[in-house]
Amino acid sequence: MEFCVIFCTVPHKEVGLDIANTLVSKQLAACVNIVPGLTSIYTWKDELCNDQELLLIIKTKNNLFANVEEVIKKIHPYEVPEIISLPVISGSYDYLQWIETVTK
């Protein structure tokens, strides 16, 4: 089984909690960390933006990415939310087995 970590920024804690609770309760993610204190600087619609955000770190399996993306897009208020998947190259066997056990 192959695993991944998905990054997703959110504008405030309520959105992060909604996404995290939905993903974990639907067994699409084993764990979602909500990391506060991000400053994101980016260009959107030809405007330089400087926003305070939170980062979701979502631990799941590669084959669940499309389902995770679908849930995020339904809940997320952004027109184009950040949804970036990075492969887990290696990890603790026990932790990876736990992810395997608690996700679909």
PDB file of N, CA and C in Angstrom:
ATOM      1  N   MET A   1       0.857  -1.189   0.000  1.00  0.00           N
ATOM      2  CA  MET A   1       0.000   0.000   0.000  1.00  0.00           C
ATOM      3  C   MET A   1       0.892   1.237   0.000  1.00  0.00           C
ATOM      4  N   GLU A   2       0.520   2.219  -0.779  1.00  0.00           N
ATOM      5  CA  GLU A   2       1.280   3.464  -0.843  1.00  0.00           C
ATOM      6  C   GLU A   2       0.519   4.564  -0.120  1.00  0.00           C
ATOM      7  N   PHE A   3       1.286   5.384   0.581  1.00  0.00           N
ATOM      8  CA  PHE A   3       0.718   6.429   1.424  1.00  0.00           C
ATOM      9  C   PHE A   3       1.148   7.806   0.943  1.00  0.00           C
ATOM     10  N   CYS A   4       0.390   8.825   1.355  1.00  0.00           N
ATOM     11  CA  CYS A   4       0.739  10.193   1.002  1.00  0.00           C
ATOM     12  C   CYS A   4       0.351  11.133   2.127  1.00  0.00           C
ATOM     13  N   VAL A   5       0.921  12.316   2.053  1.00  0.00           N
ATOM     14  CA  VAL A   5       0.563  13.429   2.931  1.00  0.00           C
ATOM     15  C   VAL A   5       0.022  14.515   2.021  1.00  0.00           C
ATOM     16  N   ILE A   6      -1.143  15.037   2.365  1.00  0.00           N
ATOM     17  CA  ILE A   6      -1.769  16.080   1.564  1.00  0.00           C
ATOM     18  C   ILE A   6      -1.743  17.384   2.348  1.00  0.00           C
ATOM     19  N   PHE A   7      -1.290  18.457   1.697  1.00  0.00           N
ATOM     20  CA  PHE A   7      -1.299  19.790   2.299  1.00  0.00           C
ATOM     21  C   PHE A   7      -2.499  20.563   1.766  1.00  0.00           C
ATOM     22  N   CYS A   8      -3.148  21.273   2.668  1.00  0.00           N
ATOM     23  CA  CYS A   8      -4.275  22.116   2.288  1.00  0.00           C
ATOM     24  C   CYS A   8      -4.314  23.307   3.241  1.00  0.00           C
ATOM     25  N   THR A   9      -4.262  24.517   2.707  1.00  0.00           N
ATOM     26  CA  THR A   9      -4.382  25.699   3.556  1.00  0.00           C
ATOM     27  C   THR A   9      -5.851  26.091   3.651  1.00  0.00           C
ATOM     28  N   VAL A  10      -6.222  26.644   4.810  1.00  0.00           N
ATOM     29  CA  VAL A  10      -7.595  27.082   5.060  1.00  0.00           C
ATOM     30  C   VAL A  10      -7.568  28.468   5.694  1.00  0.00           C
ATOM     31  N   PRO A  11      -8.651  29.242   5.523  1.00  0.00           N
ATOM     32  CA  PRO A  11      -8.664  30.622   6.012  1.00  0.00           C
ATOM     33  C   PRO A  11      -8.867  30.760   7.521  1.00  0.00           C
ATOM     34  N   HIS A  12      -9.527  29.769   8.139  1.00  0.00           N
ATOM     35  CA  HIS A  12      -9.748  29.848   9.586  1.00  0.00           C
ATOM     36  C   HIS A  12     -10.019  28.463  10.163  1.00  0.00           C
ATOM     37  N   LYS A  13      -9.954  28.383  11.482  1.00  0.00           N
ATOM     38  CA  LYS A  13     -10.006  27.098  12.180  1.00  0.00           C
ATOM     39  C   LYS A  13     -11.295  26.323  11.911  1.00  0.00           C
ATOM     40  N   GLU A  14     -12.426  27.022  11.805  1.00  0.00           N
ATOM     41  CA  GLU A  14     -13.697  26.330  11.608  1.00  0.00           C
ATOM     42  C   GLU A  14     -13.704  25.512  10.319  1.00  0.00           C
ATOM     43  N   VAL A  15     -13.162  26.084   9.255  1.00  0.00           N
ATOM     44  CA  VAL A  15     -13.079  25.349   7.979  1.00  0.00           C
ATOM     45  C   VAL A  15     -12.150  24.148   8.146  1.00  0.00           C
ATOM     46  N   GLY A  16     -11.020  24.348   8.803  1.00  0.00           N
ATOM     47  CA  GLY A  16     -10.084  23.261   9.035  1.00  0.00           C
ATOM     48  C   GLY A  16     -10.695  22.127   9.841  1.00  0.00           C
ATOM     49  N   LEU A  17     -11.415  22.479  10.890  1.00  0.00           N
ATOM     50  CA  LEU A  17     -12.071  21.458  11.714  1.00  0.00           C
ATOM     51  C   LEU A  17     -13.142  20.710  10.927  1.00  0.00           C
ATOM     52  N   ASP A  18     -13.897  21.422  10.116  1.00  0.00           N
ATOM     53  CA  ASP A  18     -14.940  20.796   9.306  1.00  0.00           C
ATOM     54  C   ASP A  18     -14.332  19.795   8.330  1.00  0.00           C
ATOM     55  N   ILE A  19     -13.286  20.211   7.629  1.00  0.00           N
ATOM     56  CA  ILE A  19     -12.612  19.309   6.680  1.00  0.00           C
ATOM     57  C   ILE A  19     -12.004  18.115   7.412  1.00  0.00           C
ATOM     58  N   ALA A  20     -11.278  18.384   8.503  1.00  0.00           N
ATOM     59  CA  ALA A  20     -10.608  17.320   9.255  1.00  0.00           C
ATOM     60  C   ALA A  20     -11.611  16.305   9.794  1.00  0.00           C
ATOM     61  N   ASN A  21     -12.658  16.791  10.433  1.00  0.00           N
ATOM     62  CA  ASN A  21     -13.660  15.882  11.001  1.00  0.00           C
ATOM     63  C   ASN A  21     -14.345  15.055   9.922  1.00  0.00           C
ATOM     64  N   THR A  22     -14.640  15.660   8.784  1.00  0.00           N
ATOM     65  CA  THR A  22     -15.285  14.935   7.696  1.00  0.00           C
ATOM     66  C   THR A  22     -14.364  13.849   7.140  1.00  0.00           C
ATOM     67  N   LEU A  23     -13.104  14.203   6.889  1.00  0.00           N
ATOM     68  CA  LEU A  23     -12.168  13.223   6.317  1.00  0.00           C
ATOM     69  C   LEU A  23     -11.937  12.046   7.256  1.00  0.00           C
ATOM     70  N   VAL A  24     -11.743  12.329   8.540  1.00  0.00           N
ATOM     71  CA  VAL A  24     -11.463  11.246   9.491  1.00  0.00           C
ATOM     72  C   VAL A  24     -12.718  10.408   9.740  1.00  0.00           C
ATOM     73  N   SER A  25     -13.860  11.057   9.890  1.00  0.00           N
ATOM     74  CA  SER A  25     -15.087  10.290  10.166  1.00  0.00           C
ATOM     75  C   SER A  25     -15.493   9.422   8.979  1.00  0.00           C
ATOM     76  N   LYS A  26     -15.168   9.850   7.752  1.00  0.00           N
ATOM     77  CA  LYS A  26     -15.464   9.044   6.560  1.00  0.00           C
ATOM     78  C   LYS A  26     -14.350   8.050   6.242  1.00  0.00           C
ATOM     79  N   GLN A  27     -13.359   7.957   7.106  1.00  0.00           N
ATOM     80  CA  GLN A  27     -12.215   7.052   6.952  1.00  0.00           C
ATOM     81  C   GLN A  27     -11.415   7.326   5.679  1.00  0.00           C
ATOM     82  N   LEU A  28     -11.395   8.599   5.266  1.00  0.00           N
ATOM     83  CA  LEU A  28     -10.593   8.989   4.113  1.00  0.00           C
ATOM     84  C   LEU A  28      -9.208   9.459   4.534  1.00  0.00           C
ATOM     85  N   ALA A  29      -9.031   9.736   5.817  1.00  0.00           N
ATOM     86  CA  ALA A  29      -7.735  10.129   6.370  1.00  0.00           C
ATOM     87  C   ALA A  29      -7.595   9.493   7.740  1.00  0.00           C
ATOM     88  N   ALA A  30      -6.380   9.120   8.067  1.00  0.00           N
ATOM     89  CA  ALA A  30      -6.121   8.564   9.394  1.00  0.00           C
ATOM     90  C   ALA A  30      -5.995   9.676  10.429  1.00  0.00           C
ATOM     91  N   CYS A  31      -5.418  10.793   9.999  1.00  0.00           N
ATOM     92  CA  CYS A  31      -5.143  11.893  10.912  1.00  0.00           C
ATOM     93  C   CYS A  31      -5.031  13.174  10.102  1.00  0.00           C
ATOM     94  N   VAL A  32      -5.505  14.262  10.688  1.00  0.00           N
ATOM     95  CA  VAL A  32      -5.331  15.583  10.075  1.00  0.00           C
ATOM     96  C   VAL A  32      -4.790  16.517  11.156  1.00  0.00           C
ATOM     97  N   ASN A  33      -3.607  17.055  10.928  1.00  0.00           N
ATOM     98  CA  ASN A  33      -3.047  18.071  11.817  1.00  0.00           C
ATOM     99  C   ASN A  33      -3.492  19.434  11.326  1.00  0.00           C
ATOM    100  N   ILE A  34      -3.858  20.309  12.264  1.00  0.00           N
ATOM    101  CA  ILE A  34      -4.225  21.681  11.924  1.00  0.00           C
ATOM    102  C   ILE A  34      -3.156  22.584  12.532  1.00  0.00           C
ATOM    103  N   VAL A  35      -2.338  23.182  11.667  1.00  0.00           N
ATOM    104  CA  VAL A  35      -1.193  23.978  12.099  1.00  0.00           C
ATOM    105  C   VAL A  35      -1.519  25.459  11.919  1.00  0.00           C
ATOM    106  N   PRO A  36      -1.606  26.206  13.022  1.00  0.00           N
ATOM    107  CA  PRO A  36      -1.916  27.637  12.921  1.00  0.00           C
ATOM    108  C   PRO A  36      -0.663  28.469  12.632  1.00  0.00           C
ATOM    109  N   GLY A  37      -0.897  29.741  12.341  1.00  0.00           N
ATOM    110  CA  GLY A  37       0.209  30.690  12.279  1.00  0.00           C
ATOM    111  C   GLY A  37       0.910  30.819  10.947  1.00  0.00           C
ATOM    112  N   LEU A  38       0.266  30.440   9.854  1.00  0.00           N
ATOM    113  CA  LEU A  38       0.876  30.555   8.533  1.00  0.00           C
ATOM    114  C   LEU A  38       0.628  31.945   7.954  1.00  0.00           C
ATOM    115  N   THR A  39       1.634  32.501   7.326  1.00  0.00           N
ATOM    116  CA  THR A  39       1.446  33.682   6.501  1.00  0.00           C
ATOM    117  C   THR A  39       1.680  33.248   5.067  1.00  0.00           C
ATOM    118  N   SER A  40       0.664  33.405   4.240  1.00  0.00           N
ATOM    119  CA  SER A  40       0.759  32.999   2.837  1.00  0.00           C
ATOM    120  C   SER A  40       0.803  34.239   1.959  1.00  0.00           C
ATOM    121  N   ILE A  41       1.818  34.299   1.121  1.00  0.00           N
ATOM    122  CA  ILE A  41       1.978  35.405   0.170  1.00  0.00           C
ATOM    123  C   ILE A  41       1.902  34.800  -1.222  1.00  0.00           C
ATOM    124  N   TYR A  42       0.970  35.284  -2.015  1.00  0.00           N
ATOM    125  CA  TYR A  42       0.712  34.702  -3.325  1.00  0.00           C
ATOM    126  C   TYR A  42       0.024  35.734  -4.211  1.00  0.00           C
ATOM    127  N   THR A  43      -0.055  35.423  -5.495  1.00  0.00           N
ATOM    128  CA  THR A  43      -0.767  36.273  -6.440  1.00  0.00           C
ATOM    129  C   THR A  43      -2.073  35.592  -6.806  1.00  0.00           C
ATOM    130  N   TRP A  44      -3.156  36.351  -6.731  1.00  0.00           N
ATOM    131  CA  TRP A  44      -4.458  35.837  -7.122  1.00  0.00           C
ATOM    132  C   TRP A  44      -5.197  36.913  -7.899  1.00  0.00           C
ATOM    133  N   LYS A  45      -5.594  36.579  -9.118  1.00  0.00           N
ATOM    134  CA  LYS A  45      -6.293  37.506 -10.006  1.00  0.00           C
ATOM    135  C   LYS A  45      -5.541  38.832 -10.119  1.00  0.00           C
ATOM    136  N   ASP A  46      -4.242  38.718 -10.409  1.00  0.00           N
ATOM    137  CA  ASP A  46      -3.341  39.853 -10.621  1.00  0.00           C
ATOM    138  C   ASP A  46      -3.146  40.738  -9.393  1.00  0.00           C
ATOM    139  N   GLU A  47      -3.473  40.221  -8.224  1.00  0.00           N
ATOM    140  CA  GLU A  47      -3.298  40.994  -6.994  1.00  0.00           C
ATOM    141  C   GLU A  47      -2.357  40.245  -6.057  1.00  0.00           C
ATOM    142  N   LEU A  48      -1.409  40.962  -5.470  1.00  0.00           N
ATOM    143  CA  LEU A  48      -0.513  40.373  -4.483  1.00  0.00           C
ATOM    144  C   LEU A  48      -1.271  40.264  -3.161  1.00  0.00           C
ATOM    145  N   CYS A  49      -1.350  39.049  -2.629  1.00  0.00           N
ATOM    146  CA  CYS A  49      -2.098  38.796  -1.395  1.00  0.00           C
ATOM    147  C   CYS A  49      -1.151  38.404  -0.275  1.00  0.00           C
ATOM    148  N   ASN A  50      -1.509  38.773   0.924  1.00  0.00           N
ATOM    149  CA  ASN A  50      -0.754  38.450   2.128  1.00  0.00           C
ATOM    150  C   ASN A  50      -1.797  38.084   3.185  1.00  0.00           C
ATOM    151  N   ASP A  51      -2.003  36.774   3.403  1.00  0.00           N
ATOM    152  CA  ASP A  51      -3.082  36.301   4.268  1.00  0.00           C
ATOM    153  C   ASP A  51      -2.576  35.402   5.380  1.00  0.00           C
ATOM    154  N   GLN A  52      -3.294  35.440   6.486  1.00  0.00           N
ATOM    155  CA  GLN A  52      -3.050  34.512   7.583  1.00  0.00           C
ATOM    156  C   GLN A  52      -3.909  33.273   7.330  1.00  0.00           C
ATOM    157  N   GLU A  53      -3.291  32.107   7.374  1.00  0.00           N
ATOM    158  CA  GLU A  53      -4.000  30.858   7.116  1.00  0.00           C
ATOM    159  C   GLU A  53      -3.553  29.797   8.113  1.00  0.00           C
ATOM    160  N   LEU A  54      -4.204  28.653   8.045  1.00  0.00           N
ATOM    161  CA  LEU A  54      -3.805  27.463   8.780  1.00  0.00           C
ATOM    162  C   LEU A  54      -3.483  26.389   7.754  1.00  0.00           C
ATOM    163  N   LEU A  55      -2.620  25.451   8.122  1.00  0.00           N
ATOM    164  CA  LEU A  55      -2.233  24.372   7.218  1.00  0.00           C
ATOM    165  C   LEU A  55      -2.796  23.055   7.731  1.00  0.00           C
ATOM    166  N   LEU A  56      -3.489  22.339   6.863  1.00  0.00           N
ATOM    167  CA  LEU A  56      -3.920  20.988   7.184  1.00  0.00           C
ATOM    168  C   LEU A  56      -2.881  20.025   6.630  1.00  0.00           C
ATOM    169  N   ILE A  57      -2.445  19.095   7.469  1.00  0.00           N
ATOM    170  CA  ILE A  57      -1.537  18.028   7.058  1.00  0.00           C
ATOM    171  C   ILE A  57      -2.336  16.738   7.191  1.00  0.00           C
ATOM    172  N   ILE A  58      -2.680  16.167   6.053  1.00  0.00           N
ATOM    173  CA  ILE A  58      -3.610  15.049   5.983  1.00  0.00           C
ATOM    174  C   ILE A  58      -2.838  13.775   5.654  1.00  0.00           C
ATOM    175  N   LYS A  59      -2.931  12.768   6.524  1.00  0.00           N
ATOM    176  CA  LYS A  59      -2.249  11.490   6.288  1.00  0.00           C
ATOM    177  C   LYS A  59      -3.249  10.464   5.783  1.00  0.00           C
ATOM    178  N   THR A  60      -2.947   9.892   4.597  1.00  0.00           N
ATOM    179  CA  THR A  60      -3.883   8.963   3.977  1.00  0.00           C
ATOM    180  C   THR A  60      -3.158   8.042   3.005  1.00  0.00           C
ATOM    181  N   LYS A  61      -3.948   7.324   2.214  1.00  0.00           N
ATOM    182  CA  LYS A  61      -3.408   6.436   1.185  1.00  0.00           C
ATOM    183  C   LYS A  61      -3.557   7.109  -0.179  1.00  0.00           C
ATOM    184  N   ASN A  62      -2.618   6.826  -1.075  1.00  0.00           N
ATOM    185  CA  ASN A  62      -2.651   7.417  -2.420  1.00  0.00           C
ATOM    186  C   ASN A  62      -3.974   7.177  -3.131  1.00  0.00           C
ATOM    187  N   ASN A  63      -4.527   5.982  -2.989  1.00  0.00           N
ATOM    188  CA  ASN A  63      -5.746   5.658  -3.731  1.00  0.00           C
ATOM    189  C   ASN A  63      -6.979   6.405  -3.209  1.00  0.00           C
ATOM    190  N   LEU A  64      -6.850   7.135  -2.109  1.00  0.00           N
ATOM    191  CA  LEU A  64      -7.966   7.918  -1.571  1.00  0.00           C
ATOM    192  C   LEU A  64      -7.877   9.401  -1.945  1.00  0.00           C
ATOM    193  N   PHE A  65      -6.825   9.775  -2.689  1.00  0.00           N
ATOM    194  CA  PHE A  65      -6.621  11.192  -3.006  1.00  0.00           C
ATOM    195  C   PHE A  65      -7.849  11.827  -3.656  1.00  0.00           C
ATOM    196  N   ALA A  66      -8.415  11.202  -4.661  1.00  0.00           N
ATOM    197  CA  ALA A  66      -9.557  11.788  -5.374  1.00  0.00           C
ATOM    198  C   ALA A  66     -10.736  12.029  -4.430  1.00  0.00           C
ATOM    199  N   ASN A  67     -10.976  11.096  -3.502  1.00  0.00           N
ATOM    200  CA  ASN A  67     -12.059  11.256  -2.534  1.00  0.00           C
ATOM    201  C   ASN A  67     -11.774  12.397  -1.561  1.00  0.00           C
ATOM    202  N   VAL A  68     -10.526  12.494  -1.115  1.00  0.00           N
ATOM    203  CA  VAL A  68     -10.124  13.584  -0.220  1.00  0.00           C
ATOM    204  C   VAL A  68     -10.301  14.921  -0.937  1.00  0.00           C
ATOM    205  N   GLU A  69      -9.835  14.986  -2.174  1.00  0.00           N
ATOM    206  CA  GLU A  69      -9.971  16.212  -2.965  1.00  0.00           C
ATOM    207  C   GLU A  69     -11.439  16.619  -3.100  1.00  0.00           C
ATOM    208  N   GLU A  70     -12.298  15.667  -3.369  1.00  0.00           N
ATOM    209  CA  GLU A  70     -13.724  15.946  -3.535  1.00  0.00           C
ATOM    210  C   GLU A  70     -14.325  16.533  -2.249  1.00  0.00           C
ATOM    211  N   VAL A  71     -13.998  15.950  -1.103  1.00  0.00           N
ATOM    212  CA  VAL A  71     -14.501  16.451   0.179  1.00  0.00           C
ATOM    213  C   VAL A  71     -14.010  17.867   0.429  1.00  0.00           C
ATOM    214  N   ILE A  72     -12.717  18.094   0.211  1.00  0.00           N
ATOM    215  CA  ILE A  72     -12.154  19.426   0.440  1.00  0.00           C
ATOM    216  C   ILE A  72     -12.857  20.455  -0.438  1.00  0.00           C
ATOM    217  N   LYS A  73     -13.026  20.154  -1.708  1.00  0.00           N
ATOM    218  CA  LYS A  73     -13.647  21.114  -2.632  1.00  0.00           C
ATOM    219  C   LYS A  73     -15.099  21.424  -2.258  1.00  0.00           C
ATOM    220  N   LYS A  74     -15.813  20.457  -1.678  1.00  0.00           N
ATOM    221  CA  LYS A  74     -17.199  20.683  -1.263  1.00  0.00           C
ATOM    222  C   LYS A  74     -17.286  21.619  -0.055  1.00  0.00           C
ATOM    223  N   ILE A  75     -16.306  21.543   0.838  1.00  0.00           N
ATOM    224  CA  ILE A  75     -16.344  22.294   2.093  1.00  0.00           C
ATOM    225  C   ILE A  75     -15.597  23.616   2.000  1.00  0.00           C
ATOM    226  N   HIS A  76     -14.508  23.637   1.284  1.00  0.00           N
ATOM    227  CA  HIS A  76     -13.584  24.769   1.263  1.00  0.00           C
ATOM    228  C   HIS A  76     -14.204  26.012   0.619  1.00  0.00           C
ATOM    229  N   PRO A  77     -14.012  27.191   1.237  1.00  0.00           N
ATOM    230  CA  PRO A  77     -14.595  28.409   0.668  1.00  0.00           C
ATOM    231  C   PRO A  77     -13.807  29.009  -0.503  1.00  0.00           C
ATOM    232  N   TYR A  78     -12.547  28.589  -0.700  1.00  0.00           N
ATOM    233  CA  TYR A  78     -11.744  29.167  -1.776  1.00  0.00           C
ATOM    234  C   TYR A  78     -12.210  28.647  -3.130  1.00  0.00           C
ATOM    235  N   GLU A  79     -12.100  29.490  -4.134  1.00  0.00           N
ATOM    236  CA  GLU A  79     -12.404  29.096  -5.507  1.00  0.00           C
ATOM    237  C   GLU A  79     -11.446  28.002  -5.977  1.00  0.00           C
ATOM    238  N   VAL A  80     -10.160  28.140  -5.616  1.00  0.00           N
ATOM    239  CA  VAL A  80      -9.139  27.158  -5.966  1.00  0.00           C
ATOM    240  C   VAL A  80      -8.313  26.851  -4.711  1.00  0.00           C
ATOM    241  N   PRO A  81      -8.757  25.889  -3.895  1.00  0.00           N
ATOM    242  CA  PRO A  81      -7.994  25.568  -2.687  1.00  0.00           C
ATOM    243  C   PRO A  81      -6.698  24.828  -3.010  1.00  0.00           C
ATOM    244  N   GLU A  82      -5.713  25.027  -2.145  1.00  0.00           N
ATOM    245  CA  GLU A  82      -4.473  24.251  -2.253  1.00  0.00           C
ATOM    246  C   GLU A  82      -4.764  22.819  -1.839  1.00  0.00           C
ATOM    247  N   ILE A  83      -4.488  21.889  -2.730  1.00  0.00           N
ATOM    248  CA  ILE A  83      -4.607  20.458  -2.428  1.00  0.00           C
ATOM    249  C   ILE A  83      -3.416  19.796  -3.095  1.00  0.00           C
ATOM    250  N   ILE A  84      -2.367  19.567  -2.327  1.00  0.00           N
ATOM    251  CA  ILE A  84      -1.106  19.052  -2.863  1.00  0.00           C
ATOM    252  C   ILE A  84      -0.754  17.760  -2.144  1.00  0.00           C
ATOM    253  N   SER A  85      -0.503  16.715  -2.904  1.00  0.00           N
ATOM    254  CA  SER A  85      -0.158  15.413  -2.341  1.00  0.00           C
ATOM    255  C   SER A  85       1.336  15.139  -2.518  1.00  0.00           C
ATOM    256  N   LEU A  86       1.964  14.700  -1.449  1.00  0.00           N
ATOM    257  CA  LEU A  86       3.368  14.297  -1.481  1.00  0.00           C
ATOM    258  C   LEU A  86       3.453  12.825  -1.076  1.00  0.00           C
ATOM    259  N   PRO A  87       4.232  12.043  -1.786  1.00  0.00           N
ATOM    260  CA  PRO A  87       4.337  10.621  -1.436  1.00  0.00           C
ATOM    261  C   PRO A  87       5.124  10.421  -0.143  1.00  0.00           C
ATOM    262  N   VAL A  88       4.726   9.416   0.611  1.00  0.00           N
ATOM    263  CA  VAL A  88       5.505   8.995   1.778  1.00  0.00           C
ATOM    264  C   VAL A  88       6.513   7.972   1.260  1.00  0.00           C
ATOM    265  N   ILE A  89       7.767   8.337   1.295  1.00  0.00           N
ATOM    266  CA  ILE A  89       8.829   7.461   0.781  1.00  0.00           C
ATOM    267  C   ILE A  89       9.112   6.332   1.762  1.00  0.00           C
ATOM    268  N   SER A  90       9.145   6.667   3.040  1.00  0.00           N
ATOM    269  CA  SER A  90       9.313   5.653   4.075  1.00  0.00           C
ATOM    270  C   SER A  90       8.716   6.193   5.365  1.00  0.00           C
ATOM    271  N   GLY A  91       8.483   5.297   6.300  1.00  0.00           N
ATOM    272  CA  GLY A  91       7.907   5.694   7.577  1.00  0.00           C
ATOM    273  C   GLY A  91       7.904   4.516   8.525  1.00  0.00           C
ATOM    274  N   SER A  92       7.554   4.800   9.748  1.00  0.00           N
ATOM    275  CA  SER A  92       7.454   3.755  10.760  1.00  0.00           C
ATOM    276  C   SER A  92       6.441   2.707  10.306  1.00  0.00           C
ATOM    277  N   TYR A  93       6.845   1.467  10.302  1.00  0.00           N
ATOM    278  CA  TYR A  93       5.962   0.377   9.876  1.00  0.00           C
ATOM    279  C   TYR A  93       4.658   0.405  10.668  1.00  0.00           C
ATOM    280  N   ASP A  94       4.774   0.548  11.985  1.00  0.00           N
ATOM    281  CA  ASP A  94       3.583   0.546  12.835  1.00  0.00           C
ATOM    282  C   ASP A  94       2.646   1.698  12.505  1.00  0.00           C
ATOM    283  N   TYR A  95       3.202   2.885  12.255  1.00  0.00           N
ATOM    284  CA  TYR A  95       2.368   4.045  11.925  1.00  0.00           C
ATOM    285  C   TYR A  95       1.677   3.849  10.577  1.00  0.00           C
ATOM    286  N   LEU A  96       2.410   3.362   9.605  1.00  0.00           N
ATOM    287  CA  LEU A  96       1.822   3.132   8.284  1.00  0.00           C
ATOM    288  C   LEU A  96       0.753   2.043   8.334  1.00  0.00           C
ATOM    289  N   GLN A  97       0.973   1.029   9.143  1.00  0.00           N
ATOM    290  CA  GLN A  97      -0.042  -0.014   9.320  1.00  0.00           C
ATOM    291  C   GLN A  97      -1.300   0.564   9.962  1.00  0.00           C
ATOM    292  N   TRP A  98      -1.119   1.509  10.884  1.00  0.00           N
ATOM    293  CA  TRP A  98      -2.271   2.170  11.514  1.00  0.00           C
ATOM    294  C   TRP A  98      -3.061   2.937  10.462  1.00  0.00           C
ATOM    295  N   ILE A  99      -2.377   3.693   9.592  1.00  0.00           N
ATOM    296  CA  ILE A  99      -3.063   4.416   8.518  1.00  0.00           C
ATOM    297  C   ILE A  99      -3.853   3.416   7.659  1.00  0.00           C
ATOM    298  N   GLU A 100      -3.221   2.307   7.323  1.00  0.00           N
ATOM    299  CA  GLU A 100      -3.868   1.279   6.516  1.00  0.00           C
ATOM    300  C   GLU A 100      -5.141   0.764   7.206  1.00  0.00           C
ATOM    301  N   THR A 101      -5.080   0.562   8.501  1.00  0.00           N
ATOM    302  CA  THR A 101      -6.187  -0.006   9.261  1.00  0.00           C
ATOM    303  C   THR A 101      -7.375   0.934   9.403  1.00  0.00           C
ATOM    304  N   VAL A 102      -7.119   2.237   9.598  1.00  0.00           N
ATOM    305  CA  VAL A 102      -8.221   3.169   9.917  1.00  0.00           C
ATOM    306  C   VAL A 102      -8.792   3.897   8.699  1.00  0.00           C
ATOM    307  N   THR A 103      -8.243   3.654   7.519  1.00  0.00           N
ATOM    308  CA  THR A 103      -8.785   4.290   6.307  1.00  0.00           C
ATOM    309  C   THR A 103      -9.400   3.212   5.421  1.00  0.00           C
ATOM    310  N   LYS A 104     -10.295   3.640   4.531  1.00  0.00           N
ATOM    311  CA  LYS A 104     -10.980   2.694   3.617  1.00  0.00           C
ATOM    312  C   LYS A 104     -10.025   2.077   2.646  1.00  0.00           C
TER     313      LYS A 104
END
